[in-house]
N, C-alpha and C. Protein backbone atom coordinates (compact mmCIF):
# COMPACT_ATOMS: atom_id res chain seq x y z
N MET A 1 10.91 2.60 33.54
CA MET A 1 11.53 2.05 32.19
C MET A 1 10.39 1.10 31.56
N THR A 2 10.29 1.05 30.40
CA THR A 2 9.42 0.24 29.58
C THR A 2 9.79 -1.05 29.26
N LYS A 3 9.08 -2.15 29.35
CA LYS A 3 9.62 -3.33 28.99
C LYS A 3 9.57 -3.46 27.29
N ARG A 4 10.80 -3.57 26.91
CA ARG A 4 10.89 -3.71 25.30
C ARG A 4 11.08 -5.20 25.03
N HIS A 5 10.47 -5.47 23.80
CA HIS A 5 10.54 -6.80 23.34
C HIS A 5 12.08 -7.22 23.14
N PRO A 6 12.47 -8.38 23.31
CA PRO A 6 13.81 -8.74 23.40
C PRO A 6 14.61 -8.63 22.18
N ASP A 7 13.85 -8.40 20.98
CA ASP A 7 14.69 -8.06 19.71
C ASP A 7 14.83 -6.83 19.37
N SER A 8 14.38 -5.94 20.41
CA SER A 8 14.75 -4.52 20.19
C SER A 8 15.95 -4.10 20.59
N PRO A 9 16.86 -3.18 20.15
CA PRO A 9 18.09 -2.90 20.47
C PRO A 9 18.09 -1.91 21.82
N SER A 10 18.88 -2.08 22.63
CA SER A 10 18.98 -1.23 23.83
C SER A 10 19.20 0.13 23.53
N ARG A 11 20.22 0.47 22.47
CA ARG A 11 20.40 1.86 22.12
C ARG A 11 20.45 1.85 20.50
N PHE A 12 20.00 3.13 20.12
CA PHE A 12 19.95 3.53 18.59
C PHE A 12 21.50 3.52 18.23
N VAL A 13 21.70 3.19 16.86
CA VAL A 13 23.03 3.39 16.31
C VAL A 13 22.76 4.69 15.60
N ILE A 14 23.78 5.76 15.98
CA ILE A 14 23.80 7.03 15.34
C ILE A 14 24.67 7.05 14.03
N HIS A 15 23.99 7.31 13.00
CA HIS A 15 24.71 7.25 11.65
C HIS A 15 25.63 8.28 11.43
N ARG A 16 26.88 8.11 11.11
CA ARG A 16 27.72 9.22 10.82
C ARG A 16 27.32 10.02 9.71
N ARG A 17 26.71 9.30 8.60
CA ARG A 17 26.34 10.10 7.44
C ARG A 17 25.01 10.72 7.48
N SER A 18 24.35 10.86 8.59
CA SER A 18 22.97 11.37 8.83
C SER A 18 23.17 12.96 8.92
N ARG A 19 22.30 13.52 8.26
CA ARG A 19 22.29 15.04 8.16
C ARG A 19 21.25 15.50 9.22
N LYS A 20 20.35 14.79 9.49
CA LYS A 20 19.21 15.12 10.33
C LYS A 20 18.67 14.00 11.19
N HIS A 21 18.37 14.10 12.25
CA HIS A 21 17.86 13.05 13.19
C HIS A 21 16.32 13.27 13.59
N LEU A 22 15.40 12.48 13.23
CA LEU A 22 14.01 12.66 13.64
C LEU A 22 13.66 11.57 14.54
N VAL A 23 13.30 11.88 16.02
CA VAL A 23 12.97 11.03 16.87
C VAL A 23 11.57 10.98 17.03
N PHE A 24 10.90 9.65 16.86
CA PHE A 24 9.64 9.45 17.17
C PHE A 24 9.53 8.66 18.51
N VAL A 25 8.66 9.16 19.48
CA VAL A 25 8.72 8.29 20.63
C VAL A 25 7.21 8.55 21.25
N ASP A 26 6.74 7.42 21.91
CA ASP A 26 5.41 7.47 22.65
C ASP A 26 5.86 7.76 24.22
N ALA A 27 4.69 8.01 24.83
CA ALA A 27 4.97 8.13 26.45
C ALA A 27 5.94 7.24 27.06
N HIS A 28 5.71 5.97 26.67
CA HIS A 28 6.41 4.79 27.33
C HIS A 28 7.93 4.94 27.04
N GLY A 29 8.42 5.48 25.91
CA GLY A 29 9.67 5.59 25.39
C GLY A 29 10.50 6.61 25.71
N VAL A 30 9.86 7.73 26.43
CA VAL A 30 10.56 9.15 26.47
C VAL A 30 11.78 8.88 27.35
N ALA A 31 11.83 8.24 28.31
CA ALA A 31 12.89 8.08 29.46
C ALA A 31 14.04 7.35 28.79
N ASP A 32 13.70 6.38 28.00
CA ASP A 32 14.70 5.33 27.32
C ASP A 32 15.68 6.20 26.36
N VAL A 33 15.07 7.02 25.74
CA VAL A 33 15.75 7.53 24.60
C VAL A 33 16.64 8.73 24.79
N ILE A 34 16.54 9.28 26.09
CA ILE A 34 17.30 10.33 26.53
C ILE A 34 18.87 10.28 26.23
N PRO A 35 19.61 8.96 26.53
CA PRO A 35 21.07 9.08 26.14
C PRO A 35 21.33 9.00 24.74
N ASP A 36 20.30 8.41 23.87
CA ASP A 36 20.50 8.54 22.41
C ASP A 36 20.39 9.78 21.97
N VAL A 37 19.41 10.71 22.40
CA VAL A 37 19.22 12.19 21.96
C VAL A 37 20.31 12.95 22.32
N ARG A 38 21.06 12.62 23.32
CA ARG A 38 22.30 13.45 23.76
C ARG A 38 23.30 13.01 22.75
N ARG A 39 23.39 11.93 22.51
CA ARG A 39 24.42 11.44 21.37
C ARG A 39 24.12 11.97 20.00
N MET A 40 22.82 12.06 19.68
CA MET A 40 22.43 12.67 18.60
C MET A 40 22.81 14.46 18.57
N ALA A 41 22.52 14.91 19.55
CA ALA A 41 22.71 16.33 19.72
C ALA A 41 24.17 16.60 19.63
N ALA A 42 25.11 15.69 20.13
CA ALA A 42 26.49 16.02 20.06
C ALA A 42 27.07 16.02 18.55
N THR A 43 26.13 15.39 17.56
CA THR A 43 26.67 15.32 16.30
C THR A 43 26.87 16.63 15.62
N GLY A 44 26.10 17.43 16.07
CA GLY A 44 25.93 19.03 15.60
C GLY A 44 24.82 19.13 14.42
N TYR A 45 24.39 17.98 14.21
CA TYR A 45 23.20 18.18 13.07
C TYR A 45 21.76 18.31 13.88
N PRO A 46 20.84 18.82 13.12
CA PRO A 46 19.71 18.91 13.88
C PRO A 46 18.91 17.70 14.17
N VAL A 47 18.03 17.79 15.31
CA VAL A 47 17.63 16.79 15.89
C VAL A 47 15.98 17.23 16.13
N GLU A 48 14.99 16.56 15.78
CA GLU A 48 13.72 16.99 16.05
C GLU A 48 12.94 15.89 16.75
N TRP A 49 12.24 16.24 17.73
CA TRP A 49 11.49 15.41 18.69
C TRP A 49 10.09 15.36 18.30
N ASN A 50 9.53 14.18 18.15
CA ASN A 50 8.25 14.08 17.80
C ASN A 50 7.54 12.98 18.75
N LEU A 51 6.47 13.64 19.44
CA LEU A 51 5.96 12.75 20.53
C LEU A 51 4.46 12.10 19.74
N ILE A 52 4.40 10.86 19.94
CA ILE A 52 3.32 10.07 19.45
C ILE A 52 2.38 9.82 20.71
N GLY A 53 1.12 10.28 20.29
CA GLY A 53 -0.18 10.10 21.09
C GLY A 53 -0.42 11.52 21.71
N GLU A 54 -1.30 11.62 22.60
CA GLU A 54 -1.87 12.72 23.30
C GLU A 54 -0.70 13.34 24.04
N ARG A 55 -0.59 14.55 24.29
CA ARG A 55 0.49 15.20 24.87
C ARG A 55 0.15 15.26 26.28
N GLU A 56 1.02 14.43 27.22
CA GLU A 56 0.66 14.33 28.63
C GLU A 56 1.73 15.54 29.29
N LYS A 57 1.37 15.62 30.49
CA LYS A 57 1.97 16.43 31.34
C LYS A 57 3.51 16.29 31.37
N ASP A 58 4.29 17.24 31.32
CA ASP A 58 5.89 17.26 31.06
C ASP A 58 6.44 16.65 32.13
N THR A 59 7.18 15.36 31.94
CA THR A 59 7.81 14.80 33.09
C THR A 59 9.29 15.19 33.05
N ASP A 60 10.10 14.73 34.05
CA ASP A 60 11.42 15.00 34.14
C ASP A 60 12.17 14.75 32.61
N ALA A 61 11.77 13.66 32.04
CA ALA A 61 12.49 13.19 30.99
C ALA A 61 12.10 14.21 29.84
N HIS A 62 10.84 14.78 29.64
CA HIS A 62 10.47 15.92 28.88
C HIS A 62 11.38 17.08 28.98
N VAL A 63 11.45 17.40 30.18
CA VAL A 63 12.20 18.67 30.68
C VAL A 63 13.78 18.27 30.12
N VAL A 64 14.26 17.26 30.27
CA VAL A 64 15.64 16.97 29.77
C VAL A 64 15.71 17.05 28.25
N ILE A 65 14.62 16.43 27.51
CA ILE A 65 14.66 16.58 26.14
C ILE A 65 14.55 17.81 25.60
N ALA A 66 13.61 18.74 26.24
CA ALA A 66 13.59 20.05 26.04
C ALA A 66 14.76 21.00 26.08
N SER A 67 15.66 20.54 26.91
CA SER A 67 17.05 21.28 27.03
C SER A 67 17.90 20.81 25.81
N LEU A 68 17.82 19.86 25.47
CA LEU A 68 18.63 19.18 24.23
C LEU A 68 18.08 19.75 22.88
N ILE A 69 16.78 19.95 22.78
CA ILE A 69 16.11 19.92 21.39
C ILE A 69 15.11 21.00 21.58
N SER A 70 15.17 21.97 20.46
CA SER A 70 14.20 22.88 20.43
C SER A 70 12.91 22.67 19.73
N ALA A 71 13.06 21.88 18.75
CA ALA A 71 12.01 21.46 17.64
C ALA A 71 11.21 20.30 18.18
N ARG A 72 9.99 20.55 18.43
CA ARG A 72 8.89 19.49 19.19
C ARG A 72 7.78 19.52 18.37
N ARG A 73 7.31 18.29 18.11
CA ARG A 73 5.87 18.29 17.61
C ARG A 73 5.41 16.91 18.34
N THR A 74 3.89 17.07 18.21
CA THR A 74 3.03 16.15 18.71
C THR A 74 2.13 15.61 17.52
N TRP A 75 2.18 14.11 17.38
CA TRP A 75 1.19 13.41 16.54
C TRP A 75 0.18 12.67 17.37
N PRO A 76 -1.12 13.11 17.56
CA PRO A 76 -2.00 12.20 18.32
C PRO A 76 -2.14 10.93 17.82
N ARG A 77 -2.15 10.56 16.41
CA ARG A 77 -2.07 9.37 15.93
C ARG A 77 -1.11 9.18 14.93
N ILE A 78 -0.55 7.90 14.86
CA ILE A 78 0.45 7.66 13.54
C ILE A 78 -0.62 6.80 12.56
N ASP A 79 -1.01 7.69 11.75
CA ASP A 79 -1.77 6.83 10.63
C ASP A 79 -1.30 7.53 9.35
N ASP A 80 -1.95 7.09 8.31
CA ASP A 80 -1.49 7.60 6.82
C ASP A 80 -2.09 9.06 6.73
N SER A 81 -1.83 10.08 7.52
CA SER A 81 -2.44 11.54 7.52
C SER A 81 -1.48 12.15 6.59
N ASP A 82 -2.26 13.14 5.94
CA ASP A 82 -1.41 14.20 5.14
C ASP A 82 -0.41 14.83 5.79
N ALA A 83 -0.63 15.32 7.01
CA ALA A 83 0.24 16.19 7.75
C ALA A 83 1.60 15.63 8.06
N LEU A 84 1.49 14.19 8.26
CA LEU A 84 2.58 13.47 8.49
C LEU A 84 3.39 13.22 7.39
N ARG A 85 2.80 12.93 6.13
CA ARG A 85 3.30 12.50 4.89
C ARG A 85 4.07 13.87 4.34
N ILE A 86 3.51 15.05 4.62
CA ILE A 86 4.14 16.28 4.17
C ILE A 86 5.40 16.38 5.06
N TYR A 87 5.20 16.39 6.24
CA TYR A 87 6.37 16.54 7.30
C TYR A 87 7.57 15.68 6.82
N LEU A 88 7.37 14.38 6.63
CA LEU A 88 8.44 13.50 6.28
C LEU A 88 8.98 13.77 4.89
N GLU A 89 8.04 14.22 3.84
CA GLU A 89 8.56 14.57 2.51
C GLU A 89 9.53 15.80 2.50
N LYS A 90 9.27 16.66 3.46
CA LYS A 90 9.82 17.99 3.46
C LYS A 90 11.36 17.80 4.06
N GLN A 91 11.47 16.72 4.78
CA GLN A 91 12.99 16.48 5.42
C GLN A 91 13.99 16.31 4.36
N PRO A 92 15.38 16.91 4.60
CA PRO A 92 16.28 16.97 3.73
C PRO A 92 17.06 15.37 3.57
N MET A 93 17.65 15.28 2.47
CA MET A 93 18.34 14.08 2.21
C MET A 93 19.27 13.63 3.28
N GLY A 94 19.24 12.40 3.64
CA GLY A 94 20.08 12.15 4.79
C GLY A 94 19.62 12.26 6.21
N THR A 95 18.22 12.34 6.21
CA THR A 95 17.47 12.26 7.46
C THR A 95 17.26 10.77 7.76
N HIS A 96 17.41 10.57 9.30
CA HIS A 96 17.18 9.27 9.88
C HIS A 96 16.29 9.38 10.82
N LEU A 97 15.29 8.11 10.93
CA LEU A 97 14.17 8.23 11.62
C LEU A 97 14.47 7.18 12.85
N TYR A 98 14.44 7.52 13.98
CA TYR A 98 14.57 6.69 15.27
C TYR A 98 13.31 6.44 16.01
N ILE A 99 12.69 5.40 16.03
CA ILE A 99 11.39 5.22 16.63
C ILE A 99 11.40 4.45 17.80
N ALA A 100 10.89 4.96 18.93
CA ALA A 100 10.97 4.27 20.14
C ALA A 100 9.24 4.42 20.51
N ALA A 101 8.44 3.21 20.12
CA ALA A 101 6.97 3.22 20.44
C ALA A 101 6.52 1.86 20.34
N SER A 102 5.27 1.91 20.52
CA SER A 102 4.58 0.36 20.39
C SER A 102 4.89 -0.08 18.96
N TRP A 103 4.88 -1.39 19.04
CA TRP A 103 5.11 -1.85 17.67
C TRP A 103 4.10 -1.53 16.61
N THR A 104 2.93 -1.52 16.86
CA THR A 104 1.79 -1.19 16.16
C THR A 104 2.18 0.30 15.48
N SER A 105 2.36 1.24 16.46
CA SER A 105 2.71 2.70 15.80
C SER A 105 4.21 2.54 15.13
N ALA A 106 5.01 1.80 15.60
CA ALA A 106 6.35 1.92 15.09
C ALA A 106 6.26 1.29 13.50
N ARG A 107 5.56 0.09 13.18
CA ARG A 107 5.51 -0.34 11.90
C ARG A 107 4.61 0.66 11.09
N ALA A 108 3.72 1.23 11.52
CA ALA A 108 2.70 2.06 10.81
C ALA A 108 3.64 3.28 10.33
N LEU A 109 4.32 3.89 11.17
CA LEU A 109 5.18 5.00 10.68
C LEU A 109 6.32 4.59 10.01
N ALA A 110 6.91 3.42 10.08
CA ALA A 110 7.83 2.96 9.17
C ALA A 110 7.40 2.59 7.81
N ARG A 111 6.32 2.19 7.63
CA ARG A 111 5.55 1.83 6.30
C ARG A 111 5.38 3.10 5.70
N ILE A 112 5.11 4.26 6.30
CA ILE A 112 4.77 5.48 5.62
C ILE A 112 5.98 6.15 5.25
N ALA A 113 7.04 5.95 6.03
CA ALA A 113 8.12 6.55 5.68
C ALA A 113 8.81 5.83 4.34
N GLU A 114 8.84 4.47 4.57
CA GLU A 114 9.21 3.74 3.24
C GLU A 114 8.40 4.02 1.96
N MET A 115 7.17 4.21 2.06
CA MET A 115 6.34 4.68 0.86
C MET A 115 7.02 5.86 0.36
N LEU A 116 7.18 6.81 1.24
CA LEU A 116 7.85 8.00 0.80
C LEU A 116 9.22 8.02 0.20
N GLY A 117 9.98 6.95 0.29
CA GLY A 117 11.28 6.71 -0.22
C GLY A 117 12.47 6.50 0.85
N TYR A 118 12.14 6.49 2.06
CA TYR A 118 13.16 6.44 3.16
C TYR A 118 13.76 4.87 3.05
N ALA A 119 14.99 4.80 3.14
CA ALA A 119 15.46 3.37 2.93
C ALA A 119 15.29 2.61 4.38
N LYS A 120 15.17 1.38 4.31
CA LYS A 120 15.09 0.70 5.65
C LYS A 120 16.24 0.92 6.48
N GLU A 121 17.47 1.28 6.00
CA GLU A 121 18.67 1.40 6.81
C GLU A 121 18.57 2.84 7.44
N ASP A 122 17.61 3.65 6.96
CA ASP A 122 17.65 5.03 7.66
C ASP A 122 16.54 4.97 8.70
N ILE A 123 15.91 3.94 8.98
CA ILE A 123 14.78 3.81 10.05
C ILE A 123 15.27 2.81 10.93
N GLN A 124 15.18 3.18 12.31
CA GLN A 124 15.61 2.30 13.50
C GLN A 124 14.14 2.26 14.18
N ILE A 125 13.90 1.18 14.78
CA ILE A 125 12.86 0.96 15.69
C ILE A 125 13.35 0.26 17.06
N ARG A 126 12.82 0.83 18.08
CA ARG A 126 12.84 0.07 19.42
C ARG A 126 11.63 0.10 19.80
N GLY A 127 11.00 -1.19 19.61
CA GLY A 127 9.47 -1.32 20.05
C GLY A 127 9.18 -1.82 21.36
N HIS A 128 8.09 -1.67 21.90
CA HIS A 128 7.77 -2.21 23.06
C HIS A 128 6.27 -2.79 22.96
N GLY A 129 5.96 -3.61 23.79
CA GLY A 129 4.55 -4.29 23.89
C GLY A 129 4.50 -5.44 22.98
N GLN A 130 3.23 -5.88 22.43
CA GLN A 130 3.16 -7.00 21.71
C GLN A 130 3.73 -6.67 20.27
N ARG A 131 4.50 -7.69 19.78
CA ARG A 131 5.28 -7.31 18.61
C ARG A 131 4.23 -7.52 17.35
N TYR A 132 3.47 -8.58 17.39
CA TYR A 132 2.65 -8.85 16.36
C TYR A 132 1.19 -8.65 16.93
N ASP A 133 0.21 -8.22 16.11
CA ASP A 133 -1.24 -8.21 16.47
C ASP A 133 -1.95 -9.45 15.86
N GLN A 134 -1.50 -9.92 14.72
CA GLN A 134 -2.44 -11.10 14.08
C GLN A 134 -1.54 -12.08 13.29
N VAL A 135 -2.23 -13.23 13.12
CA VAL A 135 -1.61 -14.32 12.45
C VAL A 135 -2.21 -14.85 11.18
N PHE A 136 -1.59 -15.19 10.19
CA PHE A 136 -2.13 -15.74 9.12
C PHE A 136 -2.37 -17.16 9.10
N CYS A 137 -3.42 -17.92 8.91
CA CYS A 137 -3.50 -19.34 9.04
C CYS A 137 -3.21 -19.87 7.58
N ILE A 138 -2.15 -20.62 7.50
CA ILE A 138 -1.78 -21.07 6.23
C ILE A 138 -2.93 -22.24 5.73
N ALA A 139 -3.60 -22.71 6.38
CA ALA A 139 -4.55 -23.77 6.00
C ALA A 139 -5.88 -23.06 5.17
N CYS A 140 -6.24 -21.88 5.63
CA CYS A 140 -7.45 -21.49 4.97
C CYS A 140 -7.19 -19.85 4.70
N TYR A 141 -6.06 -19.38 4.89
CA TYR A 141 -5.67 -18.00 4.41
C TYR A 141 -6.58 -16.88 5.24
N THR A 142 -6.98 -17.18 6.39
CA THR A 142 -7.66 -16.31 7.46
C THR A 142 -6.67 -15.62 8.33
N ILE A 143 -7.04 -14.33 8.49
CA ILE A 143 -6.09 -13.60 9.34
C ILE A 143 -6.90 -13.59 10.91
N ASN A 144 -6.22 -14.00 12.00
CA ASN A 144 -6.83 -14.00 13.21
C ASN A 144 -6.02 -13.27 14.18
N PRO A 145 -6.59 -12.67 15.22
CA PRO A 145 -6.05 -12.20 16.23
C PRO A 145 -5.05 -12.82 17.12
N ILE A 146 -3.97 -12.40 17.64
CA ILE A 146 -3.15 -12.97 18.55
C ILE A 146 -3.29 -12.78 19.98
N GLY A 147 -3.35 -13.71 20.82
CA GLY A 147 -3.27 -13.42 22.30
C GLY A 147 -1.88 -13.78 22.75
N ASP A 148 -1.75 -14.09 24.13
CA ASP A 148 -0.60 -14.42 24.73
C ASP A 148 0.05 -15.91 24.50
N ALA A 149 -0.95 -16.72 23.96
CA ALA A 149 -0.36 -18.10 23.72
C ALA A 149 0.39 -18.34 22.47
N PRO A 150 1.25 -19.34 22.50
CA PRO A 150 2.00 -19.61 21.37
C PRO A 150 1.34 -20.21 20.15
N THR A 151 0.00 -20.74 20.38
CA THR A 151 -0.93 -21.24 19.38
C THR A 151 -2.08 -20.46 19.35
N VAL A 152 -2.91 -20.49 18.19
CA VAL A 152 -4.10 -19.77 18.08
C VAL A 152 -5.11 -20.85 17.34
N LEU A 153 -6.35 -20.94 17.87
CA LEU A 153 -7.33 -21.62 17.28
C LEU A 153 -7.94 -20.80 16.16
N CYS A 154 -7.71 -21.11 14.93
CA CYS A 154 -8.25 -20.46 13.67
C CYS A 154 -9.81 -20.17 13.74
N ARG A 155 -10.12 -18.90 13.66
CA ARG A 155 -11.82 -18.83 13.74
C ARG A 155 -12.49 -19.30 12.45
N GLN A 156 -11.72 -19.42 11.38
CA GLN A 156 -12.45 -19.92 10.10
C GLN A 156 -12.35 -21.46 9.98
N CYS A 157 -11.17 -21.99 10.04
CA CYS A 157 -10.98 -23.41 9.68
C CYS A 157 -11.20 -24.31 11.22
N GLY A 158 -11.05 -23.60 12.20
CA GLY A 158 -10.93 -24.43 13.46
C GLY A 158 -9.61 -25.22 13.85
N LYS A 159 -8.62 -25.07 13.05
CA LYS A 159 -7.52 -25.75 13.36
C LYS A 159 -6.46 -24.97 14.21
N THR A 160 -5.67 -25.77 14.88
CA THR A 160 -4.63 -25.01 15.73
C THR A 160 -3.60 -24.79 14.90
N ILE A 161 -3.13 -23.32 15.08
CA ILE A 161 -1.99 -22.99 14.38
C ILE A 161 -0.97 -22.38 15.19
N ALA A 162 0.35 -22.63 14.99
CA ALA A 162 1.45 -22.14 15.74
C ALA A 162 1.83 -20.96 15.27
N VAL A 163 2.14 -19.93 16.25
CA VAL A 163 2.57 -18.65 15.73
C VAL A 163 3.90 -18.50 15.65
N SER A 164 4.41 -18.15 14.30
CA SER A 164 5.72 -18.18 14.10
C SER A 164 6.37 -16.62 14.16
N ASP A 165 7.59 -16.46 13.88
CA ASP A 165 8.28 -15.09 13.77
C ASP A 165 8.30 -14.70 12.52
N HIS A 166 7.85 -15.24 11.46
CA HIS A 166 7.85 -15.05 10.05
C HIS A 166 6.86 -13.96 9.60
N TYR A 167 7.26 -12.83 9.68
CA TYR A 167 6.37 -11.64 9.54
C TYR A 167 6.16 -11.35 7.96
N SER A 168 4.87 -10.93 7.41
CA SER A 168 4.64 -10.73 6.18
C SER A 168 4.23 -9.27 6.13
N ARG A 169 4.95 -8.36 5.48
CA ARG A 169 4.67 -7.10 5.46
C ARG A 169 3.47 -6.72 4.60
N ARG A 170 3.17 -7.53 3.67
CA ARG A 170 2.04 -7.37 2.73
C ARG A 170 0.79 -7.77 3.61
N LEU A 171 0.81 -8.68 4.42
CA LEU A 171 -0.37 -9.11 5.25
C LEU A 171 -0.40 -8.44 6.64
N ASP A 172 0.65 -7.71 6.96
CA ASP A 172 0.70 -7.30 8.22
C ASP A 172 0.46 -8.17 9.29
N ALA A 173 1.03 -9.46 9.25
CA ALA A 173 0.77 -10.56 10.10
C ALA A 173 1.92 -11.55 10.21
N VAL A 174 1.99 -12.33 11.06
CA VAL A 174 2.99 -13.49 11.16
C VAL A 174 2.41 -14.50 10.57
N LEU A 175 3.05 -15.62 10.16
CA LEU A 175 2.66 -16.80 9.44
C LEU A 175 2.36 -17.76 10.81
N GLY A 176 1.08 -18.40 10.60
CA GLY A 176 0.74 -19.55 11.54
C GLY A 176 0.86 -20.86 10.91
N TYR A 177 1.55 -21.62 11.45
CA TYR A 177 1.65 -23.03 10.70
C TYR A 177 0.91 -24.07 11.48
N LEU A 178 0.28 -25.05 10.74
CA LEU A 178 -0.36 -26.10 11.42
C LEU A 178 0.46 -27.05 12.41
N THR A 179 -0.29 -27.22 13.52
CA THR A 179 0.48 -27.89 14.61
C THR A 179 0.50 -29.35 14.21
N LEU A 180 1.19 -30.36 14.76
CA LEU A 180 1.39 -31.71 14.23
C LEU A 180 -0.04 -32.47 14.53
N ASP A 181 -0.60 -32.05 15.57
CA ASP A 181 -1.88 -32.56 16.05
C ASP A 181 -3.17 -32.28 15.02
N THR A 182 -2.93 -31.40 14.14
CA THR A 182 -3.93 -30.80 13.27
C THR A 182 -3.51 -31.24 11.83
N MET A 183 -2.37 -31.81 11.67
CA MET A 183 -2.01 -32.09 10.24
C MET A 183 -2.86 -33.36 9.80
N PRO A 184 -3.19 -33.28 8.56
CA PRO A 184 -3.91 -34.47 8.00
C PRO A 184 -3.01 -35.57 7.91
N LYS A 185 -3.49 -36.87 8.50
CA LYS A 185 -2.74 -38.09 8.41
C LYS A 185 -2.67 -38.69 7.20
N LYS A 186 -1.64 -39.23 6.77
CA LYS A 186 -1.69 -40.11 5.39
C LYS A 186 -2.33 -41.51 5.91
N GLU A 187 -3.10 -41.94 5.07
CA GLU A 187 -3.78 -43.35 5.10
C GLU A 187 -2.91 -44.38 4.64
N GLU A 188 -2.62 -45.33 5.49
CA GLU A 188 -1.83 -46.52 5.08
C GLU A 188 -2.49 -47.33 4.17
N THR A 189 -1.94 -47.94 3.15
CA THR A 189 -2.46 -48.88 2.34
C THR A 189 -2.04 -50.37 2.30
């Protein structure tokens, strides 16, 4: 079992109004989505399986998925590729995306789908791994990489910034606020 982020749902919600289900999963999320895929297959609507990353040797989970779904694709990388864009554009109205992958891959795929007109309500993400990769320093507007610590030393201004959960889609980063010890002090008169 993959360690999911605490904010990730344990199960996907299968929409009644969905006319097609597209499942995008990486190697770490395969076993976790089997119960969800069974529920999707029970709806009677088409389900397509999309593996993110290099195809590995089929595991028991892959065999179970293959018995439930006949349509399978492999995407070595999730990026803004023409093939992925065409694949998503050709899907019928009412298609829902269910993504069980690293947060980086899941966000990239969701961004592509939203640019193509998929509604946020039609995309569900069950992420694993580090949720955010970078933090935006509000003191000097520099984007910094995030480690495991709750604070980051800004590489531009040298101030300590606290990593928040306030995510900016435009910047693809969380906001970093100045900590109390780095805030400028008011001079007393």
